[in-house]
Amino acid sequence: MKKTKTPRTTLAPGLAKVLKRLHYPLEVILLCVRWYVAYSLSLRNLAEMMGERGIAVDHSTVYRWVIKLLPLFERSLRKHKRPVGKSWRMDESYIKIKGEWK
């Protein structure tokens, strides 16, 4: 019998404890942290983008979320990271430089 993966509805205990004490909605916090990491936006750009969406948040607040949550995310996601294989292969390529193959 094959197991089907179901989406996870609960957070890791350490992460849930930290997120419970924050005053903004969880979706806003996670969206800001994700955008900051994935797209290398500045904190002020993120605050401006949230302001355009009707959510008043300061850039220093976003910075505190990033500092507080990224280590927790890293720790909880590292458990699910796939191991790297034992064998590595690299293709060789040759190019001609000044008439000589290197």
PDB file of N, CA and C in Angstrom:
ATOM      1  N   MET A   1       0.835  -1.175   0.000  1.00  0.00           N
ATOM      2  CA  MET A   1       0.000   0.000   0.000  1.00  0.00           C
ATOM      3  C   MET A   1       0.885   1.246   0.000  1.00  0.00           C
ATOM      4  N   LYS A   2       0.643   2.131  -0.913  1.00  0.00           N
ATOM      5  CA  LYS A   2       1.472   3.317  -1.073  1.00  0.00           C
ATOM      6  C   LYS A   2       0.954   4.459  -0.203  1.00  0.00           C
ATOM      7  N   LYS A   3       1.886   5.103   0.490  1.00  0.00           N
ATOM      8  CA  LYS A   3       1.513   6.242   1.329  1.00  0.00           C
ATOM      9  C   LYS A   3       1.424   7.497   0.474  1.00  0.00           C
ATOM     10  N   THR A   4       0.432   8.298   0.755  1.00  0.00           N
ATOM     11  CA  THR A   4       0.334   9.586   0.074  1.00  0.00           C
ATOM     12  C   THR A   4       0.728  10.672   1.055  1.00  0.00           C
ATOM     13  N   LYS A   5       1.434  11.644   0.546  1.00  0.00           N
ATOM     14  CA  LYS A   5       1.864  12.742   1.399  1.00  0.00           C
ATOM     15  C   LYS A   5       0.708  13.711   1.589  1.00  0.00           C
ATOM     16  N   THR A   6       0.482  14.065   2.819  1.00  0.00           N
ATOM     17  CA  THR A   6      -0.545  15.061   3.115  1.00  0.00           C
ATOM     18  C   THR A   6       0.150  16.357   3.502  1.00  0.00           C
ATOM     19  N   PRO A   7      -0.435  17.485   3.171  1.00  0.00           N
ATOM     20  CA  PRO A   7       0.194  18.741   3.543  1.00  0.00           C
ATOM     21  C   PRO A   7       0.234  18.899   5.058  1.00  0.00           C
ATOM     22  N   ARG A   8       1.300  19.486   5.503  1.00  0.00           N
ATOM     23  CA  ARG A   8       1.504  19.666   6.925  1.00  0.00           C
ATOM     24  C   ARG A   8       0.681  20.837   7.424  1.00  0.00           C
ATOM     25  N   THR A   9      -0.107  20.625   8.466  1.00  0.00           N
ATOM     26  CA  THR A   9      -0.969  21.697   8.978  1.00  0.00           C
ATOM     27  C   THR A   9      -0.456  22.262  10.291  1.00  0.00           C
ATOM     28  N   THR A  10       0.475  21.585  10.946  1.00  0.00           N
ATOM     29  CA  THR A  10       1.009  22.085  12.203  1.00  0.00           C
ATOM     30  C   THR A  10       2.450  22.520  12.009  1.00  0.00           C
ATOM     31  N   LEU A  11       2.863  23.428  12.846  1.00  0.00           N
ATOM     32  CA  LEU A  11       4.245  23.920  12.801  1.00  0.00           C
ATOM     33  C   LEU A  11       5.091  23.151  13.801  1.00  0.00           C
ATOM     34  N   ALA A  12       6.389  23.231  13.631  1.00  0.00           N
ATOM     35  CA  ALA A  12       7.309  22.636  14.587  1.00  0.00           C
ATOM     36  C   ALA A  12       7.099  23.301  15.947  1.00  0.00           C
ATOM     37  N   PRO A  13       7.253  22.566  17.059  1.00  0.00           N
ATOM     38  CA  PRO A  13       6.956  23.131  18.378  1.00  0.00           C
ATOM     39  C   PRO A  13       7.742  24.396  18.709  1.00  0.00           C
ATOM     40  N   GLY A  14       9.036  24.409  18.392  1.00  0.00           N
ATOM     41  CA  GLY A  14       9.845  25.605  18.680  1.00  0.00           C
ATOM     42  C   GLY A  14       9.411  26.795  17.857  1.00  0.00           C
ATOM     43  N   LEU A  15       9.045  26.552  16.629  1.00  0.00           N
ATOM     44  CA  LEU A  15       8.606  27.611  15.729  1.00  0.00           C
ATOM     45  C   LEU A  15       7.244  28.145  16.144  1.00  0.00           C
ATOM     46  N   ALA A  16       6.339  27.264  16.517  1.00  0.00           N
ATOM     47  CA  ALA A  16       5.004  27.692  16.943  1.00  0.00           C
ATOM     48  C   ALA A  16       5.071  28.545  18.195  1.00  0.00           C
ATOM     49  N   LYS A  17       5.985  28.205  19.096  1.00  0.00           N
ATOM     50  CA  LYS A  17       6.130  28.967  20.346  1.00  0.00           C
ATOM     51  C   LYS A  17       6.594  30.401  20.077  1.00  0.00           C
ATOM     52  N   VAL A  18       7.518  30.561  19.151  1.00  0.00           N
ATOM     53  CA  VAL A  18       8.023  31.895  18.815  1.00  0.00           C
ATOM     54  C   VAL A  18       6.969  32.697  18.060  1.00  0.00           C
ATOM     55  N   LEU A  19       6.290  32.062  17.109  1.00  0.00           N
ATOM     56  CA  LEU A  19       5.309  32.770  16.292  1.00  0.00           C
ATOM     57  C   LEU A  19       4.077  33.180  17.079  1.00  0.00           C
ATOM     58  N   LYS A  20       3.783  32.476  18.151  1.00  0.00           N
ATOM     59  CA  LYS A  20       2.601  32.784  18.939  1.00  0.00           C
ATOM     60  C   LYS A  20       2.723  34.160  19.609  1.00  0.00           C
ATOM     61  N   ARG A  21       3.935  34.575  19.912  1.00  0.00           N
ATOM     62  CA  ARG A  21       4.144  35.838  20.625  1.00  0.00           C
ATOM     63  C   ARG A  21       4.217  37.052  19.716  1.00  0.00           C
ATOM     64  N   LEU A  22       4.199  36.867  18.419  1.00  0.00           N
ATOM     65  CA  LEU A  22       4.295  37.988  17.497  1.00  0.00           C
ATOM     66  C   LEU A  22       2.909  38.575  17.238  1.00  0.00           C
ATOM     67  N   HIS A  23       2.843  39.889  16.966  1.00  0.00           N
ATOM     68  CA  HIS A  23       1.571  40.590  16.920  1.00  0.00           C
ATOM     69  C   HIS A  23       0.937  40.661  15.538  1.00  0.00           C
ATOM     70  N   TYR A  24       1.686  40.394  14.510  1.00  0.00           N
ATOM     71  CA  TYR A  24       1.149  40.464  13.155  1.00  0.00           C
ATOM     72  C   TYR A  24       0.596  39.110  12.756  1.00  0.00           C
ATOM     73  N   PRO A  25      -0.273  39.069  11.754  1.00  0.00           N
ATOM     74  CA  PRO A  25      -0.762  37.767  11.269  1.00  0.00           C
ATOM     75  C   PRO A  25       0.391  36.917  10.730  1.00  0.00           C
ATOM     76  N   LEU A  26       0.267  35.634  10.919  1.00  0.00           N
ATOM     77  CA  LEU A  26       1.318  34.699  10.534  1.00  0.00           C
ATOM     78  C   LEU A  26       1.617  34.771   9.040  1.00  0.00           C
ATOM     79  N   GLU A  27       0.597  34.956   8.213  1.00  0.00           N
ATOM     80  CA  GLU A  27       0.798  35.021   6.767  1.00  0.00           C
ATOM     81  C   GLU A  27       1.683  36.199   6.378  1.00  0.00           C
ATOM     82  N   VAL A  28       1.497  37.337   7.047  1.00  0.00           N
ATOM     83  CA  VAL A  28       2.284  38.537   6.756  1.00  0.00           C
ATOM     84  C   VAL A  28       3.745  38.308   7.142  1.00  0.00           C
ATOM     85  N   ILE A  29       3.967  37.737   8.294  1.00  0.00           N
ATOM     86  CA  ILE A  29       5.331  37.501   8.782  1.00  0.00           C
ATOM     87  C   ILE A  29       6.066  36.544   7.848  1.00  0.00           C
ATOM     88  N   LEU A  30       5.422  35.442   7.523  1.00  0.00           N
ATOM     89  CA  LEU A  30       6.076  34.445   6.673  1.00  0.00           C
ATOM     90  C   LEU A  30       6.311  34.970   5.266  1.00  0.00           C
ATOM     91  N   LEU A  31       5.378  35.766   4.764  1.00  0.00           N
ATOM     92  CA  LEU A  31       5.546  36.350   3.435  1.00  0.00           C
ATOM     93  C   LEU A  31       6.729  37.311   3.404  1.00  0.00           C
ATOM     94  N   CYS A  32       6.848  38.152   4.409  1.00  0.00           N
ATOM     95  CA  CYS A  32       7.964  39.103   4.461  1.00  0.00           C
ATOM     96  C   CYS A  32       9.310  38.385   4.560  1.00  0.00           C
ATOM     97  N   VAL A  33       9.381  37.399   5.435  1.00  0.00           N
ATOM     98  CA  VAL A  33      10.645  36.670   5.601  1.00  0.00           C
ATOM     99  C   VAL A  33      10.985  35.922   4.319  1.00  0.00           C
ATOM    100  N   ARG A  34       9.996  35.305   3.686  1.00  0.00           N
ATOM    101  CA  ARG A  34      10.244  34.566   2.434  1.00  0.00           C
ATOM    102  C   ARG A  34      10.723  35.493   1.336  1.00  0.00           C
ATOM    103  N   TRP A  35      10.067  36.630   1.167  1.00  0.00           N
ATOM    104  CA  TRP A  35      10.478  37.571   0.128  1.00  0.00           C
ATOM    105  C   TRP A  35      11.872  38.115   0.406  1.00  0.00           C
ATOM    106  N   TYR A  36      12.173  38.377   1.674  1.00  0.00           N
ATOM    107  CA  TYR A  36      13.495  38.910   2.013  1.00  0.00           C
ATOM    108  C   TYR A  36      14.593  37.914   1.630  1.00  0.00           C
ATOM    109  N   VAL A  37      14.360  36.644   1.903  1.00  0.00           N
ATOM    110  CA  VAL A  37      15.377  35.628   1.627  1.00  0.00           C
ATOM    111  C   VAL A  37      15.411  35.263   0.141  1.00  0.00           C
ATOM    112  N   ALA A  38      14.253  35.065  -0.467  1.00  0.00           N
ATOM    113  CA  ALA A  38      14.208  34.552  -1.829  1.00  0.00           C
ATOM    114  C   ALA A  38      14.603  35.588  -2.871  1.00  0.00           C
ATOM    115  N   TYR A  39      14.216  36.828  -2.668  1.00  0.00           N
ATOM    116  CA  TYR A  39      14.415  37.824  -3.717  1.00  0.00           C
ATOM    117  C   TYR A  39      15.404  38.922  -3.346  1.00  0.00           C
ATOM    118  N   SER A  40      16.077  38.795  -2.243  1.00  0.00           N
ATOM    119  CA  SER A  40      17.084  39.759  -1.762  1.00  0.00           C
ATOM    120  C   SER A  40      16.597  41.208  -1.868  1.00  0.00           C
ATOM    121  N   LEU A  41      15.402  41.434  -1.369  1.00  0.00           N
ATOM    122  CA  LEU A  41      14.861  42.795  -1.297  1.00  0.00           C
ATOM    123  C   LEU A  41      15.401  43.470  -0.051  1.00  0.00           C
ATOM    124  N   SER A  42      15.453  44.789  -0.081  1.00  0.00           N
ATOM    125  CA  SER A  42      15.862  45.498   1.126  1.00  0.00           C
ATOM    126  C   SER A  42      14.691  45.534   2.100  1.00  0.00           C
ATOM    127  N   LEU A  43      15.011  45.786   3.356  1.00  0.00           N
ATOM    128  CA  LEU A  43      13.971  45.836   4.385  1.00  0.00           C
ATOM    129  C   LEU A  43      13.010  46.993   4.138  1.00  0.00           C
ATOM    130  N   ARG A  44      13.546  48.102   3.679  1.00  0.00           N
ATOM    131  CA  ARG A  44      12.678  49.254   3.390  1.00  0.00           C
ATOM    132  C   ARG A  44      11.776  48.975   2.189  1.00  0.00           C
ATOM    133  N   ASN A  45      12.278  48.254   1.200  1.00  0.00           N
ATOM    134  CA  ASN A  45      11.427  47.867   0.068  1.00  0.00           C
ATOM    135  C   ASN A  45      10.291  46.965   0.531  1.00  0.00           C
ATOM    136  N   LEU A  46      10.602  46.030   1.413  1.00  0.00           N
ATOM    137  CA  LEU A  46       9.563  45.144   1.933  1.00  0.00           C
ATOM    138  C   LEU A  46       8.507  45.914   2.710  1.00  0.00           C
ATOM    139  N   ALA A  47       8.954  46.859   3.543  1.00  0.00           N
ATOM    140  CA  ALA A  47       8.001  47.668   4.301  1.00  0.00           C
ATOM    141  C   ALA A  47       7.114  48.475   3.354  1.00  0.00           C
ATOM    142  N   GLU A  48       7.698  48.999   2.289  1.00  0.00           N
ATOM    143  CA  GLU A  48       6.930  49.756   1.300  1.00  0.00           C
ATOM    144  C   GLU A  48       5.939  48.860   0.558  1.00  0.00           C
ATOM    145  N   MET A  49       6.370  47.652   0.202  1.00  0.00           N
ATOM    146  CA  MET A  49       5.482  46.714  -0.485  1.00  0.00           C
ATOM    147  C   MET A  49       4.312  46.311   0.397  1.00  0.00           C
ATOM    148  N   MET A  50       4.562  46.095   1.675  1.00  0.00           N
ATOM    149  CA  MET A  50       3.478  45.760   2.598  1.00  0.00           C
ATOM    150  C   MET A  50       2.534  46.943   2.771  1.00  0.00           C
ATOM    151  N   GLY A  51       3.107  48.159   2.774  1.00  0.00           N
ATOM    152  CA  GLY A  51       2.275  49.361   2.862  1.00  0.00           C
ATOM    153  C   GLY A  51       1.346  49.500   1.671  1.00  0.00           C
ATOM    154  N   GLU A  52       1.819  49.123   0.482  1.00  0.00           N
ATOM    155  CA  GLU A  52       0.981  49.159  -0.713  1.00  0.00           C
ATOM    156  C   GLU A  52      -0.163  48.161  -0.623  1.00  0.00           C
ATOM    157  N   ARG A  53       0.034  47.113   0.160  1.00  0.00           N
ATOM    158  CA  ARG A  53      -1.010  46.104   0.342  1.00  0.00           C
ATOM    159  C   ARG A  53      -1.897  46.405   1.552  1.00  0.00           C
ATOM    160  N   GLY A  54      -1.701  47.543   2.177  1.00  0.00           N
ATOM    161  CA  GLY A  54      -2.548  47.955   3.288  1.00  0.00           C
ATOM    162  C   GLY A  54      -2.100  47.461   4.649  1.00  0.00           C
ATOM    163  N   ILE A  55      -0.863  46.991   4.758  1.00  0.00           N
ATOM    164  CA  ILE A  55      -0.343  46.482   6.027  1.00  0.00           C
ATOM    165  C   ILE A  55       0.800  47.403   6.454  1.00  0.00           C
ATOM    166  N   ALA A  56       0.587  48.131   7.529  1.00  0.00           N
ATOM    167  CA  ALA A  56       1.606  49.062   8.019  1.00  0.00           C
ATOM    168  C   ALA A  56       2.616  48.291   8.873  1.00  0.00           C
ATOM    169  N   VAL A  57       3.822  48.169   8.357  1.00  0.00           N
ATOM    170  CA  VAL A  57       4.887  47.482   9.076  1.00  0.00           C
ATOM    171  C   VAL A  57       6.178  48.263   8.863  1.00  0.00           C
ATOM    172  N   ASP A  58       6.983  48.369   9.902  1.00  0.00           N
ATOM    173  CA  ASP A  58       8.235  49.113   9.839  1.00  0.00           C
ATOM    174  C   ASP A  58       9.366  48.185   9.396  1.00  0.00           C
ATOM    175  N   HIS A  59      10.384  48.765   8.767  1.00  0.00           N
ATOM    176  CA  HIS A  59      11.497  47.936   8.291  1.00  0.00           C
ATOM    177  C   HIS A  59      12.249  47.278   9.440  1.00  0.00           C
ATOM    178  N   SER A  60      12.318  47.930  10.591  1.00  0.00           N
ATOM    179  CA  SER A  60      13.015  47.325  11.732  1.00  0.00           C
ATOM    180  C   SER A  60      12.236  46.120  12.280  1.00  0.00           C
ATOM    181  N   THR A  61      10.927  46.149  12.156  1.00  0.00           N
ATOM    182  CA  THR A  61      10.120  45.002  12.570  1.00  0.00           C
ATOM    183  C   THR A  61      10.393  43.809  11.659  1.00  0.00           C
ATOM    184  N   VAL A  62      10.470  44.053  10.372  1.00  0.00           N
ATOM    185  CA  VAL A  62      10.785  42.978   9.425  1.00  0.00           C
ATOM    186  C   VAL A  62      12.173  42.416   9.731  1.00  0.00           C
ATOM    187  N   TYR A  63      13.118  43.278  10.066  1.00  0.00           N
ATOM    188  CA  TYR A  63      14.469  42.830  10.399  1.00  0.00           C
ATOM    189  C   TYR A  63      14.447  41.925  11.633  1.00  0.00           C
ATOM    190  N   ARG A  64      13.664  42.292  12.634  1.00  0.00           N
ATOM    191  CA  ARG A  64      13.568  41.464  13.833  1.00  0.00           C
ATOM    192  C   ARG A  64      12.953  40.105  13.517  1.00  0.00           C
ATOM    193  N   TRP A  65      11.969  40.076  12.619  1.00  0.00           N
ATOM    194  CA  TRP A  65      11.379  38.797  12.207  1.00  0.00           C
ATOM    195  C   TRP A  65      12.430  37.927  11.533  1.00  0.00           C
ATOM    196  N   VAL A  66      13.206  38.527  10.654  1.00  0.00           N
ATOM    197  CA  VAL A  66      14.226  37.766   9.922  1.00  0.00           C
ATOM    198  C   VAL A  66      15.254  37.210  10.888  1.00  0.00           C
ATOM    199  N   ILE A  67      15.740  38.023  11.792  1.00  0.00           N
ATOM    200  CA  ILE A  67      16.764  37.592  12.752  1.00  0.00           C
ATOM    201  C   ILE A  67      16.225  36.487  13.654  1.00  0.00           C
ATOM    202  N   LYS A  68      14.979  36.593  14.047  1.00  0.00           N
ATOM    203  CA  LYS A  68      14.390  35.633  14.967  1.00  0.00           C
ATOM    204  C   LYS A  68      13.993  34.327  14.271  1.00  0.00           C
ATOM    205  N   LEU A  69      13.481  34.414  13.056  1.00  0.00           N
ATOM    206  CA  LEU A  69      12.876  33.236  12.429  1.00  0.00           C
ATOM    207  C   LEU A  69      13.803  32.435  11.531  1.00  0.00           C
ATOM    208  N   LEU A  70      14.766  33.071  10.884  1.00  0.00           N
ATOM    209  CA  LEU A  70      15.616  32.326   9.952  1.00  0.00           C
ATOM    210  C   LEU A  70      16.385  31.180  10.608  1.00  0.00           C
ATOM    211  N   PRO A  71      16.979  31.364  11.783  1.00  0.00           N
ATOM    212  CA  PRO A  71      17.648  30.203  12.399  1.00  0.00           C
ATOM    213  C   PRO A  71      16.673  29.071  12.718  1.00  0.00           C
ATOM    214  N   LEU A  72      15.454  29.410  13.111  1.00  0.00           N
ATOM    215  CA  LEU A  72      14.464  28.377  13.406  1.00  0.00           C
ATOM    216  C   LEU A  72      14.041  27.635  12.146  1.00  0.00           C
ATOM    217  N   PHE A  73      13.830  28.384  11.059  1.00  0.00           N
ATOM    218  CA  PHE A  73      13.482  27.752   9.792  1.00  0.00           C
ATOM    219  C   PHE A  73      14.602  26.840   9.318  1.00  0.00           C
ATOM    220  N   GLU A  74      15.816  27.320   9.435  1.00  0.00           N
ATOM    221  CA  GLU A  74      16.973  26.543   8.975  1.00  0.00           C
ATOM    222  C   GLU A  74      17.072  25.236   9.753  1.00  0.00           C
ATOM    223  N   ARG A  75      16.889  25.309  11.060  1.00  0.00           N
ATOM    224  CA  ARG A  75      16.976  24.113  11.889  1.00  0.00           C
ATOM    225  C   ARG A  75      15.864  23.115  11.566  1.00  0.00           C
ATOM    226  N   SER A  76      14.646  23.621  11.382  1.00  0.00           N
ATOM    227  CA  SER A  76      13.538  22.702  11.130  1.00  0.00           C
ATOM    228  C   SER A  76      13.576  22.140   9.707  1.00  0.00           C
ATOM    229  N   LEU A  77      14.069  22.910   8.742  1.00  0.00           N
ATOM    230  CA  LEU A  77      14.109  22.430   7.361  1.00  0.00           C
ATOM    231  C   LEU A  77      15.308  21.528   7.079  1.00  0.00           C
ATOM    232  N   ARG A  78      16.360  21.657   7.869  1.00  0.00           N
ATOM    233  CA  ARG A  78      17.544  20.823   7.660  1.00  0.00           C
ATOM    234  C   ARG A  78      17.223  19.340   7.844  1.00  0.00           C
ATOM    235  N   LYS A  79      16.243  19.025   8.696  1.00  0.00           N
ATOM    236  CA  LYS A  79      15.854  17.630   8.922  1.00  0.00           C
ATOM    237  C   LYS A  79      15.306  16.999   7.648  1.00  0.00           C
ATOM    238  N   HIS A  80      14.678  17.803   6.786  1.00  0.00           N
ATOM    239  CA  HIS A  80      14.048  17.290   5.583  1.00  0.00           C
ATOM    240  C   HIS A  80      14.941  17.396   4.348  1.00  0.00           C
ATOM    241  N   LYS A  81      16.153  17.906   4.523  1.00  0.00           N
ATOM    242  CA  LYS A  81      17.062  18.066   3.396  1.00  0.00           C
ATOM    243  C   LYS A  81      17.551  16.692   2.938  1.00  0.00           C
ATOM    244  N   ARG A  82      17.563  16.496   1.639  1.00  0.00           N
ATOM    245  CA  ARG A  82      18.002  15.224   1.094  1.00  0.00           C
ATOM    246  C   ARG A  82      19.518  15.104   1.184  1.00  0.00           C
ATOM    247  N   PRO A  83      20.019  13.916   1.500  1.00  0.00           N
ATOM    248  CA  PRO A  83      21.475  13.752   1.586  1.00  0.00           C
ATOM    249  C   PRO A  83      22.128  13.827   0.213  1.00  0.00           C
ATOM    250  N   VAL A  84      23.351  14.260   0.222  1.00  0.00           N
ATOM    251  CA  VAL A  84      24.131  14.349  -1.015  1.00  0.00           C
ATOM    252  C   VAL A  84      24.713  12.973  -1.300  1.00  0.00           C
ATOM    253  N   GLY A  85      24.744  12.601  -2.552  1.00  0.00           N
ATOM    254  CA  GLY A  85      25.263  11.295  -2.942  1.00  0.00           C
ATOM    255  C   GLY A  85      26.758  11.170  -2.697  1.00  0.00           C
ATOM    256  N   LYS A  86      27.252   9.939  -2.747  1.00  0.00           N
ATOM    257  CA  LYS A  86      28.665   9.681  -2.485  1.00  0.00           C
ATOM    258  C   LYS A  86      29.544   9.941  -3.697  1.00  0.00           C
ATOM    259  N   SER A  87      29.011   9.746  -4.895  1.00  0.00           N
ATOM    260  CA  SER A  87      29.848   9.914  -6.078  1.00  0.00           C
ATOM    261  C   SER A  87      29.536  11.242  -6.771  1.00  0.00           C
ATOM    262  N   TRP A  88      30.569  11.894  -7.204  1.00  0.00           N
ATOM    263  CA  TRP A  88      30.443  13.165  -7.898  1.00  0.00           C
ATOM    264  C   TRP A  88      31.066  13.013  -9.275  1.00  0.00           C
ATOM    265  N   ARG A  89      30.434  13.561 -10.267  1.00  0.00           N
ATOM    266  CA  ARG A  89      30.976  13.507 -11.618  1.00  0.00           C
ATOM    267  C   ARG A  89      31.013  14.920 -12.179  1.00  0.00           C
ATOM    268  N   MET A  90      32.093  15.168 -12.890  1.00  0.00           N
ATOM    269  CA  MET A  90      32.214  16.475 -13.505  1.00  0.00           C
ATOM    270  C   MET A  90      32.646  16.281 -14.947  1.00  0.00           C
ATOM    271  N   ASP A  91      31.957  16.917 -15.835  1.00  0.00           N
ATOM    272  CA  ASP A  91      32.327  16.832 -17.239  1.00  0.00           C
ATOM    273  C   ASP A  91      33.517  17.734 -17.502  1.00  0.00           C
ATOM    274  N   GLU A  92      34.387  17.254 -18.349  1.00  0.00           N
ATOM    275  CA  GLU A  92      35.526  18.068 -18.738  1.00  0.00           C
ATOM    276  C   GLU A  92      35.216  18.727 -20.067  1.00  0.00           C
ATOM    277  N   SER A  93      35.685  19.921 -20.219  1.00  0.00           N
ATOM    278  CA  SER A  93      35.510  20.579 -21.511  1.00  0.00           C
ATOM    279  C   SER A  93      36.843  21.221 -21.899  1.00  0.00           C
ATOM    280  N   TYR A  94      37.086  21.222 -23.178  1.00  0.00           N
ATOM    281  CA  TYR A  94      38.303  21.811 -23.697  1.00  0.00           C
ATOM    282  C   TYR A  94      37.931  22.983 -24.587  1.00  0.00           C
ATOM    283  N   ILE A  95      38.723  24.042 -24.461  1.00  0.00           N
ATOM    284  CA  ILE A  95      38.530  25.192 -25.338  1.00  0.00           C
ATOM    285  C   ILE A  95      39.868  25.542 -25.968  1.00  0.00           C
ATOM    286  N   LYS A  96      39.790  26.171 -27.093  1.00  0.00           N
ATOM    287  CA  LYS A  96      41.004  26.543 -27.815  1.00  0.00           C
ATOM    288  C   LYS A  96      41.357  27.980 -27.451  1.00  0.00           C
ATOM    289  N   ILE A  97      42.553  28.169 -26.892  1.00  0.00           N
ATOM    290  CA  ILE A  97      43.033  29.492 -26.524  1.00  0.00           C
ATOM    291  C   ILE A  97      44.325  29.739 -27.276  1.00  0.00           C
ATOM    292  N   LYS A  98      44.338  30.769 -28.124  1.00  0.00           N
ATOM    293  CA  LYS A  98      45.498  31.120 -28.948  1.00  0.00           C
ATOM    294  C   LYS A  98      46.017  29.916 -29.717  1.00  0.00           C
ATOM    295  N   GLY A  99      45.084  29.112 -30.230  1.00  0.00           N
ATOM    296  CA  GLY A  99      45.456  27.970 -31.053  1.00  0.00           C
ATOM    297  C   GLY A  99      45.837  26.721 -30.269  1.00  0.00           C
ATOM    298  N   GLU A 100      45.813  26.766 -28.957  1.00  0.00           N
ATOM    299  CA  GLU A 100      46.190  25.613 -28.145  1.00  0.00           C
ATOM    300  C   GLU A 100      44.986  25.151 -27.324  1.00  0.00           C
ATOM    301  N   TRP A 101      44.761  23.838 -27.326  1.00  0.00           N
ATOM    302  CA  TRP A 101      43.624  23.293 -26.570  1.00  0.00           C
ATOM    303  C   TRP A 101      43.966  23.240 -25.093  1.00  0.00           C
ATOM    304  N   LYS A 102      43.090  23.763 -24.285  1.00  0.00           N
ATOM    305  CA  LYS A 102      43.297  23.751 -22.823  1.00  0.00           C
ATOM    306  C   LYS A 102      42.080  23.177 -22.164  1.00  0.00           C
TER     307      LYS A 102
END
